[in-house]
Amino acid sequence: MKNIFREKLKANEPIIATRINSTWPVVAEVVGATGKYDYIEFLGEYAPYNQYDLENIARACELHGMSSIMKVDYANRDYVAQKALAAGIQGILFTDHTQAKEVEETLKMVKPATPQAKGHLGYVNRRWYKNEGFANQMTYADEISQCVIGFMVEKAEAVKNIEEICQVPGVDFIQFGPADFSMNSGFNHKENLEKVREVEAKVIQTALKYGVSPRVELNSAKEAERYIQMGVKHFALGSELRIEKVYWNTEGDELHSMLDKG
């Protein structure tokens, strides 16, 4: 299974993802059947799951020629990230890091323990074999090295340190988190939209300056225009729970209105 996400990053091509909360692999298959998405992000920071779920999500994505990544909690990030990679997930999005040194230490936990990579991750007897027989150790190390690693920039201190973070070798993409940044700065997002947009632009420009892919979350395709003008090519379009919530609210209101009139 090729890592489509990695290949598109290398080629500097546009990348479109979407985010899911469900561990039911059919949801991943529905996304894959559209043929419009390069990878799925499983929101493990928010959703319940077990290790069997991670394998099933990875399989569903493989079936449809998509990559898969997982967003993980900060507290147990090393353990969960290693298990996700062992399950066949092809990338990790880490949260809540604030300093370059912290990013460097986390990267070591998901890089192979070879003289070249200088990581801590050993030879894992899990889905890397993918029914092809026992791969040798350096092939496994090479596959692990191809996994895509991203970091959320969502704390005020992380924004201050964005130059240093983007210069850490192994950071493939970053994403600004406006809601967390606002809370961490002591204000509500909607009350300071212009300030948040200025900070977001700074984060995006810094990432592009250092050759790191800035990813932007969108609720609709029309939101992409200003980011495309800034040079962004990497988007996460929609989130499973929000899509459902918007549909149920919008269509529910309309149906109630029709019934009230009747």
C-alpha atoms as a PDB file:
ATOM      1  CA  MET A   1       0.000   0.000   0.000  1.00  0.00           C
ATOM      2  CA  LYS A   2       1.516   3.303  -1.087  1.00  0.00           C
ATOM      3  CA  ASN A   3       1.366   6.292   1.222  1.00  0.00           C
ATOM      4  CA  ILE A   4      -0.639   8.616  -1.038  1.00  0.00           C
ATOM      5  CA  PHE A   5      -0.357  11.437   1.464  1.00  0.00           C
ATOM      6  CA  ARG A   6       3.451  11.246   1.483  1.00  0.00           C
ATOM      7  CA  GLU A   7       3.648  11.058  -2.307  1.00  0.00           C
ATOM      8  CA  LYS A   8       1.492  14.142  -2.755  1.00  0.00           C
ATOM      9  CA  LEU A   9       3.501  16.064  -0.175  1.00  0.00           C
ATOM     10  CA  LYS A  10       6.725  15.215  -2.013  1.00  0.00           C
ATOM     11  CA  ALA A  11       5.233  16.316  -5.323  1.00  0.00           C
ATOM     12  CA  ASN A  12       3.807  19.531  -3.793  1.00  0.00           C
ATOM     13  CA  GLU A  13       0.393  18.612  -5.168  1.00  0.00           C
ATOM     14  CA  PRO A  14      -2.999  19.698  -3.778  1.00  0.00           C
ATOM     15  CA  ILE A  15      -4.205  17.460  -0.942  1.00  0.00           C
ATOM     16  CA  ILE A  16      -7.795  17.024   0.232  1.00  0.00           C
ATOM     17  CA  ALA A  17      -8.738  15.166   3.411  1.00  0.00           C
ATOM     18  CA  THR A  18     -11.803  14.786   5.568  1.00  0.00           C
ATOM     19  CA  ARG A  19     -12.241  13.977   9.259  1.00  0.00           C
ATOM     20  CA  ILE A  20     -14.265  11.198  10.856  1.00  0.00           C
ATOM     21  CA  ASN A  21     -15.280  10.343  14.416  1.00  0.00           C
ATOM     22  CA  SER A  22     -16.813   6.920  13.732  1.00  0.00           C
ATOM     23  CA  THR A  23     -14.798   3.752  14.025  1.00  0.00           C
ATOM     24  CA  TRP A  24     -17.291   1.922  11.791  1.00  0.00           C
ATOM     25  CA  PRO A  25     -15.159   1.201   8.703  1.00  0.00           C
ATOM     26  CA  VAL A  26     -18.145   1.650   6.398  1.00  0.00           C
ATOM     27  CA  VAL A  27     -17.906   5.405   7.064  1.00  0.00           C
ATOM     28  CA  ALA A  28     -14.340   5.364   5.752  1.00  0.00           C
ATOM     29  CA  GLU A  29     -15.508   3.286   2.793  1.00  0.00           C
ATOM     30  CA  VAL A  30     -18.255   5.802   1.969  1.00  0.00           C
ATOM     31  CA  VAL A  31     -15.628   8.548   1.871  1.00  0.00           C
ATOM     32  CA  GLY A  32     -13.345   6.392  -0.261  1.00  0.00           C
ATOM     33  CA  ALA A  33     -16.124   5.526  -2.697  1.00  0.00           C
ATOM     34  CA  THR A  34     -16.411   9.192  -3.673  1.00  0.00           C
ATOM     35  CA  GLY A  35     -12.883   9.082  -5.085  1.00  0.00           C
ATOM     36  CA  LYS A  36     -12.334  12.690  -3.999  1.00  0.00           C
ATOM     37  CA  TYR A  37     -10.183  12.393  -0.880  1.00  0.00           C
ATOM     38  CA  ASP A  38      -6.482  11.630  -0.461  1.00  0.00           C
ATOM     39  CA  TYR A  39      -6.697  10.640   3.180  1.00  0.00           C
ATOM     40  CA  ILE A  40      -9.001  10.337   6.166  1.00  0.00           C
ATOM     41  CA  GLU A  41      -8.159  11.755   9.570  1.00  0.00           C
ATOM     42  CA  PHE A  42      -9.592   9.753  12.448  1.00  0.00           C
ATOM     43  CA  LEU A  43     -10.236  12.151  15.331  1.00  0.00           C
ATOM     44  CA  GLY A  44      -8.910   9.944  18.088  1.00  0.00           C
ATOM     45  CA  GLU A  45      -8.470  12.951  20.361  1.00  0.00           C
ATOM     46  CA  TYR A  46     -12.265  13.144  20.640  1.00  0.00           C
ATOM     47  CA  ALA A  47     -13.702   9.728  19.792  1.00  0.00           C
ATOM     48  CA  PRO A  48     -13.783   6.368  21.614  1.00  0.00           C
ATOM     49  CA  TYR A  49     -11.855   3.562  19.916  1.00  0.00           C
ATOM     50  CA  ASN A  50      -9.768   0.440  20.420  1.00  0.00           C
ATOM     51  CA  GLN A  51      -6.801  -0.976  18.542  1.00  0.00           C
ATOM     52  CA  TYR A  52      -8.959  -3.259  16.416  1.00  0.00           C
ATOM     53  CA  ASP A  53     -10.837  -0.158  15.241  1.00  0.00           C
ATOM     54  CA  LEU A  54      -7.595   1.429  14.054  1.00  0.00           C
ATOM     55  CA  GLU A  55      -6.735  -1.636  11.981  1.00  0.00           C
ATOM     56  CA  ASN A  56     -10.205  -1.644  10.406  1.00  0.00           C
ATOM     57  CA  ILE A  57     -10.059   2.057   9.526  1.00  0.00           C
ATOM     58  CA  ALA A  58      -6.634   1.544   7.950  1.00  0.00           C
ATOM     59  CA  ARG A  59      -7.908  -1.441   5.931  1.00  0.00           C
ATOM     60  CA  ALA A  60     -10.939   0.485   4.681  1.00  0.00           C
ATOM     61  CA  CYS A  61      -8.716   3.332   3.506  1.00  0.00           C
ATOM     62  CA  GLU A  62      -6.301   0.938   1.817  1.00  0.00           C
ATOM     63  CA  LEU A  63      -9.201  -0.697  -0.004  1.00  0.00           C
ATOM     64  CA  HIS A  64     -10.022   2.633  -1.636  1.00  0.00           C
ATOM     65  CA  GLY A  65      -6.480   3.860  -2.307  1.00  0.00           C
ATOM     66  CA  MET A  66      -6.514   6.458   0.475  1.00  0.00           C
ATOM     67  CA  SER A  67      -4.075   7.189   3.250  1.00  0.00           C
ATOM     68  CA  SER A  68      -5.123   7.478   6.886  1.00  0.00           C
ATOM     69  CA  ILE A  69      -3.902   9.543   9.811  1.00  0.00           C
ATOM     70  CA  MET A  70      -4.939   9.812  13.444  1.00  0.00           C
ATOM     71  CA  LYS A  71      -5.204  12.853  15.680  1.00  0.00           C
ATOM     72  CA  VAL A  72      -4.010  11.850  19.138  1.00  0.00           C
ATOM     73  CA  ASP A  73      -4.272  13.231  22.662  1.00  0.00           C
ATOM     74  CA  TYR A  74      -1.248  14.972  24.118  1.00  0.00           C
ATOM     75  CA  ALA A  75      -0.996  13.050  27.403  1.00  0.00           C
ATOM     76  CA  ASN A  76      -0.570   9.508  26.017  1.00  0.00           C
ATOM     77  CA  ARG A  77       0.624  10.511  22.555  1.00  0.00           C
ATOM     78  CA  ASP A  78       3.669   8.251  22.338  1.00  0.00           C
ATOM     79  CA  TYR A  79       1.809   5.035  23.136  1.00  0.00           C
ATOM     80  CA  VAL A  80      -1.230   5.792  20.966  1.00  0.00           C
ATOM     81  CA  ALA A  81       0.824   7.029  18.011  1.00  0.00           C
ATOM     82  CA  GLN A  82       2.999   3.910  18.038  1.00  0.00           C
ATOM     83  CA  LYS A  83      -0.037   1.627  18.187  1.00  0.00           C
ATOM     84  CA  ALA A  84      -1.745   3.566  15.391  1.00  0.00           C
ATOM     85  CA  LEU A  85       1.283   3.199  13.125  1.00  0.00           C
ATOM     86  CA  ALA A  86       1.479  -0.501  13.978  1.00  0.00           C
ATOM     87  CA  ALA A  87      -2.193  -0.820  12.934  1.00  0.00           C
ATOM     88  CA  GLY A  88      -1.371   0.558   9.494  1.00  0.00           C
ATOM     89  CA  ILE A  89      -2.344   4.211  10.009  1.00  0.00           C
ATOM     90  CA  GLN A  90       0.017   6.196   7.790  1.00  0.00           C
ATOM     91  CA  GLY A  91       0.339   9.423   9.707  1.00  0.00           C
ATOM     92  CA  ILE A  92      -0.146  11.158  13.049  1.00  0.00           C
ATOM     93  CA  LEU A  93      -1.405  14.625  13.949  1.00  0.00           C
ATOM     94  CA  PHE A  94      -0.048  15.653  17.348  1.00  0.00           C
ATOM     95  CA  THR A  95      -1.746  18.255  19.551  1.00  0.00           C
ATOM     96  CA  ASP A  96      -0.750  20.877  22.131  1.00  0.00           C
ATOM     97  CA  HIS A  97       2.998  21.102  21.517  1.00  0.00           C
ATOM     98  CA  THR A  98       4.478  24.534  22.229  1.00  0.00           C
ATOM     99  CA  GLN A  99       8.266  24.316  21.766  1.00  0.00           C
ATOM    100  CA  ALA A 100      10.648  22.990  19.128  1.00  0.00           C
ATOM    101  CA  LYS A 101      12.455  20.799  21.683  1.00  0.00           C
ATOM    102  CA  GLU A 102       9.163  19.166  22.635  1.00  0.00           C
ATOM    103  CA  VAL A 103       8.408  18.500  18.955  1.00  0.00           C
ATOM    104  CA  GLU A 104      11.852  16.936  18.488  1.00  0.00           C
ATOM    105  CA  GLU A 105      11.329  14.560  21.414  1.00  0.00           C
ATOM    106  CA  THR A 106       7.907  13.467  20.154  1.00  0.00           C
ATOM    107  CA  LEU A 107       9.244  12.844  16.644  1.00  0.00           C
ATOM    108  CA  LYS A 108      11.821  10.423  18.061  1.00  0.00           C
ATOM    109  CA  MET A 109       8.984   8.247  19.375  1.00  0.00           C
ATOM    110  CA  VAL A 110       7.526   7.690  15.888  1.00  0.00           C
ATOM    111  CA  LYS A 111      10.778   7.347  13.982  1.00  0.00           C
ATOM    112  CA  PRO A 112      12.552   3.984  13.581  1.00  0.00           C
ATOM    113  CA  ALA A 113      15.399   3.087  15.907  1.00  0.00           C
ATOM    114  CA  THR A 114      18.078   3.055  13.178  1.00  0.00           C
ATOM    115  CA  PRO A 115      21.424   4.871  12.983  1.00  0.00           C
ATOM    116  CA  GLN A 116      19.975   6.945  10.159  1.00  0.00           C
ATOM    117  CA  ALA A 117      16.663   8.012  11.733  1.00  0.00           C
ATOM    118  CA  LYS A 118      17.853   8.045  15.376  1.00  0.00           C
ATOM    119  CA  GLY A 119      14.335   7.285  16.609  1.00  0.00           C
ATOM    120  CA  HIS A 120      13.003   5.025  19.363  1.00  0.00           C
ATOM    121  CA  LEU A 121      10.490   2.870  17.482  1.00  0.00           C
ATOM    122  CA  GLY A 122      11.530  -0.776  17.194  1.00  0.00           C
ATOM    123  CA  TYR A 123      10.559  -3.565  14.794  1.00  0.00           C
ATOM    124  CA  VAL A 124       6.817  -4.025  15.364  1.00  0.00           C
ATOM    125  CA  ASN A 125       5.206  -7.372  14.576  1.00  0.00           C
ATOM    126  CA  ARG A 126       1.841  -6.036  13.427  1.00  0.00           C
ATOM    127  CA  ARG A 127       0.188  -5.003  10.150  1.00  0.00           C
ATOM    128  CA  TRP A 128       3.375  -3.933   8.407  1.00  0.00           C
ATOM    129  CA  TYR A 129       3.584  -7.470   7.012  1.00  0.00           C
ATOM    130  CA  LYS A 130       0.216  -7.045   5.286  1.00  0.00           C
ATOM    131  CA  ASN A 131       0.082 -10.740   4.325  1.00  0.00           C
ATOM    132  CA  GLU A 132       3.204 -10.407   2.176  1.00  0.00           C
ATOM    133  CA  GLY A 133       5.475 -12.477   4.365  1.00  0.00           C
ATOM    134  CA  PHE A 134       7.966 -11.147   6.844  1.00  0.00           C
ATOM    135  CA  ALA A 135       9.550  -7.967   5.516  1.00  0.00           C
ATOM    136  CA  ASN A 136      13.144  -7.308   6.501  1.00  0.00           C
ATOM    137  CA  GLN A 137      13.973  -4.773   9.174  1.00  0.00           C
ATOM    138  CA  MET A 138      15.268  -1.985   6.935  1.00  0.00           C
ATOM    139  CA  THR A 139      12.242  -2.193   4.634  1.00  0.00           C
ATOM    140  CA  TYR A 140      10.076  -1.806   7.711  1.00  0.00           C
ATOM    141  CA  ALA A 141      12.216   1.132   8.887  1.00  0.00           C
ATOM    142  CA  ASP A 142      11.827   2.788   5.496  1.00  0.00           C
ATOM    143  CA  GLU A 143       8.029   2.378   5.586  1.00  0.00           C
ATOM    144  CA  ILE A 144       7.852   3.865   9.084  1.00  0.00           C
ATOM    145  CA  SER A 145       9.960   6.798   7.917  1.00  0.00           C
ATOM    146  CA  GLN A 146       7.402   7.520   5.182  1.00  0.00           C
ATOM    147  CA  CYS A 147       4.599   8.104   7.692  1.00  0.00           C
ATOM    148  CA  VAL A 148       3.420  11.710   7.661  1.00  0.00           C
ATOM    149  CA  ILE A 149       3.727  13.678  10.890  1.00  0.00           C
ATOM    150  CA  GLY A 150       1.852  16.887  11.635  1.00  0.00           C
ATOM    151  CA  PHE A 151       1.521  19.220  14.611  1.00  0.00           C
ATOM    152  CA  MET A 152      -1.293  21.491  15.713  1.00  0.00           C
ATOM    153  CA  VAL A 153      -0.233  25.073  16.405  1.00  0.00           C
ATOM    154  CA  GLU A 154      -2.951  25.954  18.876  1.00  0.00           C
ATOM    155  CA  LYS A 155      -1.351  27.560  21.903  1.00  0.00           C
ATOM    156  CA  ALA A 156      -0.096  31.150  22.172  1.00  0.00           C
ATOM    157  CA  GLU A 157       3.386  29.871  23.046  1.00  0.00           C
ATOM    158  CA  ALA A 158       3.426  27.650  19.953  1.00  0.00           C
ATOM    159  CA  VAL A 159       2.661  30.666  17.783  1.00  0.00           C
ATOM    160  CA  LYS A 160       5.580  32.513  19.405  1.00  0.00           C
ATOM    161  CA  ASN A 161       7.834  29.570  18.604  1.00  0.00           C
ATOM    162  CA  ILE A 162       6.452  28.844  15.127  1.00  0.00           C
ATOM    163  CA  GLU A 163       9.733  29.679  13.344  1.00  0.00           C
ATOM    164  CA  GLU A 164      11.682  27.147  15.430  1.00  0.00           C
ATOM    165  CA  ILE A 165       8.933  24.490  15.208  1.00  0.00           C
ATOM    166  CA  CYS A 166       8.817  24.698  11.405  1.00  0.00           C
ATOM    167  CA  GLN A 167      12.586  24.179  11.242  1.00  0.00           C
ATOM    168  CA  VAL A 168      12.512  20.861  13.115  1.00  0.00           C
ATOM    169  CA  PRO A 169      13.394  18.058  10.655  1.00  0.00           C
ATOM    170  CA  GLY A 170      10.501  15.633  10.319  1.00  0.00           C
ATOM    171  CA  VAL A 171       7.629  18.126  10.685  1.00  0.00           C
ATOM    172  CA  ASP A 172       5.635  17.482   7.507  1.00  0.00           C
ATOM    173  CA  PHE A 173       2.627  19.711   8.105  1.00  0.00           C
ATOM    174  CA  ILE A 174       1.169  22.077  10.658  1.00  0.00           C
ATOM    175  CA  GLN A 175      -2.322  23.348  11.330  1.00  0.00           C
ATOM    176  CA  PHE A 176      -3.380  26.439  13.212  1.00  0.00           C
ATOM    177  CA  GLY A 177      -6.142  25.831  15.773  1.00  0.00           C
ATOM    178  CA  PRO A 178      -8.193  29.042  16.117  1.00  0.00           C
ATOM    179  CA  ALA A 179     -10.519  27.826  18.880  1.00  0.00           C
ATOM    180  CA  ASP A 180      -7.770  26.549  21.169  1.00  0.00           C
ATOM    181  CA  PHE A 181      -5.581  29.565  20.414  1.00  0.00           C
ATOM    182  CA  SER A 182      -8.420  31.905  21.360  1.00  0.00           C
ATOM    183  CA  MET A 183      -9.120  30.114  24.634  1.00  0.00           C
ATOM    184  CA  ASN A 184      -5.422  29.947  25.469  1.00  0.00           C
ATOM    185  CA  SER A 185      -5.159  33.695  24.812  1.00  0.00           C
ATOM    186  CA  GLY A 186      -8.091  34.457  27.111  1.00  0.00           C
ATOM    187  CA  PHE A 187     -10.804  35.494  24.667  1.00  0.00           C
ATOM    188  CA  ASN A 188     -13.633  34.090  22.569  1.00  0.00           C
ATOM    189  CA  HIS A 189     -12.894  33.388  18.922  1.00  0.00           C
ATOM    190  CA  LYS A 190     -15.921  35.268  17.536  1.00  0.00           C
ATOM    191  CA  GLU A 191     -15.054  38.388  19.541  1.00  0.00           C
ATOM    192  CA  ASN A 192     -11.595  38.705  17.989  1.00  0.00           C
ATOM    193  CA  LEU A 193     -11.921  37.341  14.471  1.00  0.00           C
ATOM    194  CA  GLU A 194      -9.473  39.796  12.919  1.00  0.00           C
ATOM    195  CA  LYS A 195      -6.762  39.066  15.492  1.00  0.00           C
ATOM    196  CA  VAL A 196      -7.186  35.322  15.013  1.00  0.00           C
ATOM    197  CA  ARG A 197      -7.012  35.709  11.231  1.00  0.00           C
ATOM    198  CA  GLU A 198      -3.792  37.716  11.527  1.00  0.00           C
ATOM    199  CA  VAL A 199      -2.202  35.011  13.670  1.00  0.00           C
ATOM    200  CA  GLU A 200      -3.409  32.287  11.314  1.00  0.00           C
ATOM    201  CA  ALA A 201      -1.871  34.121   8.351  1.00  0.00           C
ATOM    202  CA  LYS A 202       1.435  34.413  10.223  1.00  0.00           C
ATOM    203  CA  VAL A 203       1.457  30.678  10.949  1.00  0.00           C
ATOM    204  CA  ILE A 204       0.663  29.802   7.318  1.00  0.00           C
ATOM    205  CA  GLN A 205       3.299  32.170   5.925  1.00  0.00           C
ATOM    206  CA  THR A 206       5.945  30.822   8.290  1.00  0.00           C
ATOM    207  CA  ALA A 207       5.182  27.217   7.348  1.00  0.00           C
ATOM    208  CA  LEU A 208       5.443  28.014   3.638  1.00  0.00           C
ATOM    209  CA  LYS A 209       8.705  29.861   4.248  1.00  0.00           C
ATOM    210  CA  TYR A 210      10.298  26.712   5.695  1.00  0.00           C
ATOM    211  CA  GLY A 211       8.789  24.219   3.248  1.00  0.00           C
ATOM    212  CA  VAL A 212       6.256  22.800   5.715  1.00  0.00           C
ATOM    213  CA  SER A 213       2.752  22.157   4.387  1.00  0.00           C
ATOM    214  CA  PRO A 214       0.147  24.334   6.142  1.00  0.00           C
ATOM    215  CA  ARG A 215      -3.178  22.510   6.406  1.00  0.00           C
ATOM    216  CA  VAL A 216      -6.465  24.369   6.809  1.00  0.00           C
ATOM    217  CA  GLU A 217      -9.779  22.940   8.013  1.00  0.00           C
ATOM    218  CA  LEU A 218     -12.813  23.985   5.949  1.00  0.00           C
ATOM    219  CA  ASN A 219     -16.527  23.652   6.600  1.00  0.00           C
ATOM    220  CA  SER A 220     -17.308  24.330   2.939  1.00  0.00           C
ATOM    221  CA  ALA A 221     -15.340  24.471  -0.300  1.00  0.00           C
ATOM    222  CA  LYS A 222     -16.093  28.174  -0.801  1.00  0.00           C
ATOM    223  CA  GLU A 223     -14.006  28.984   2.297  1.00  0.00           C
ATOM    224  CA  ALA A 224     -10.863  27.815   0.494  1.00  0.00           C
ATOM    225  CA  GLU A 225     -10.459  30.771  -1.856  1.00  0.00           C
ATOM    226  CA  ARG A 226      -8.540  33.131   0.434  1.00  0.00           C
ATOM    227  CA  TYR A 227      -6.269  30.323   1.589  1.00  0.00           C
ATOM    228  CA  ILE A 228      -5.504  29.279  -1.982  1.00  0.00           C
ATOM    229  CA  GLN A 229      -4.470  32.879  -2.665  1.00  0.00           C
ATOM    230  CA  MET A 230      -2.093  32.606   0.309  1.00  0.00           C
ATOM    231  CA  GLY A 231      -0.467  29.523  -1.239  1.00  0.00           C
ATOM    232  CA  VAL A 232      -2.232  26.802   0.746  1.00  0.00           C
ATOM    233  CA  LYS A 233      -2.755  23.517  -1.133  1.00  0.00           C
ATOM    234  CA  HIS A 234      -3.653  21.220   1.758  1.00  0.00           C
ATOM    235  CA  PHE A 235      -7.207  21.124   3.147  1.00  0.00           C
ATOM    236  CA  ALA A 236      -9.350  19.048   5.507  1.00  0.00           C
ATOM    237  CA  LEU A 237     -12.910  19.457   4.243  1.00  0.00           C
ATOM    238  CA  GLY A 238     -15.675  18.777   6.734  1.00  0.00           C
ATOM    239  CA  SER A 239     -15.950  16.818   9.947  1.00  0.00           C
ATOM    240  CA  GLU A 240     -18.340  13.895  10.374  1.00  0.00           C
ATOM    241  CA  LEU A 241     -20.173  15.124  13.482  1.00  0.00           C
ATOM    242  CA  ARG A 242     -20.464  18.694  12.220  1.00  0.00           C
ATOM    243  CA  ILE A 243     -21.823  17.513   8.858  1.00  0.00           C
ATOM    244  CA  GLU A 244     -24.502  15.501  10.677  1.00  0.00           C
ATOM    245  CA  LYS A 245     -25.314  18.325  13.079  1.00  0.00           C
ATOM    246  CA  VAL A 246     -25.723  20.886  10.292  1.00  0.00           C
ATOM    247  CA  TYR A 247     -27.929  18.542   8.268  1.00  0.00           C
ATOM    248  CA  TRP A 248     -30.151  17.606  11.211  1.00  0.00           C
ATOM    249  CA  ASN A 249     -30.543  21.234  12.266  1.00  0.00           C
ATOM    250  CA  THR A 250     -31.135  22.690   8.809  1.00  0.00           C
ATOM    251  CA  GLU A 251     -33.452  20.006   7.477  1.00  0.00           C
ATOM    252  CA  GLY A 252     -35.177  19.593  10.845  1.00  0.00           C
ATOM    253  CA  ASP A 253     -35.969  23.323  10.980  1.00  0.00           C
ATOM    254  CA  GLU A 254     -37.349  23.232   7.451  1.00  0.00           C
ATOM    255  CA  LEU A 255     -39.553  20.213   8.123  1.00  0.00           C
ATOM    256  CA  HIS A 256     -40.858  21.761  11.370  1.00  0.00           C
ATOM    257  CA  SER A 257     -41.647  24.940   9.446  1.00  0.00           C
ATOM    258  CA  MET A 258     -43.550  23.025   6.774  1.00  0.00           C
ATOM    259  CA  LEU A 259     -45.554  21.096   9.375  1.00  0.00           C
ATOM    260  CA  ASP A 260     -46.362  24.291  11.318  1.00  0.00           C
ATOM    261  CA  LYS A 261     -47.740  25.892   8.162  1.00  0.00           C
ATOM    262  CA  GLY A 262     -49.880  22.820   7.466  1.00  0.00           C
END
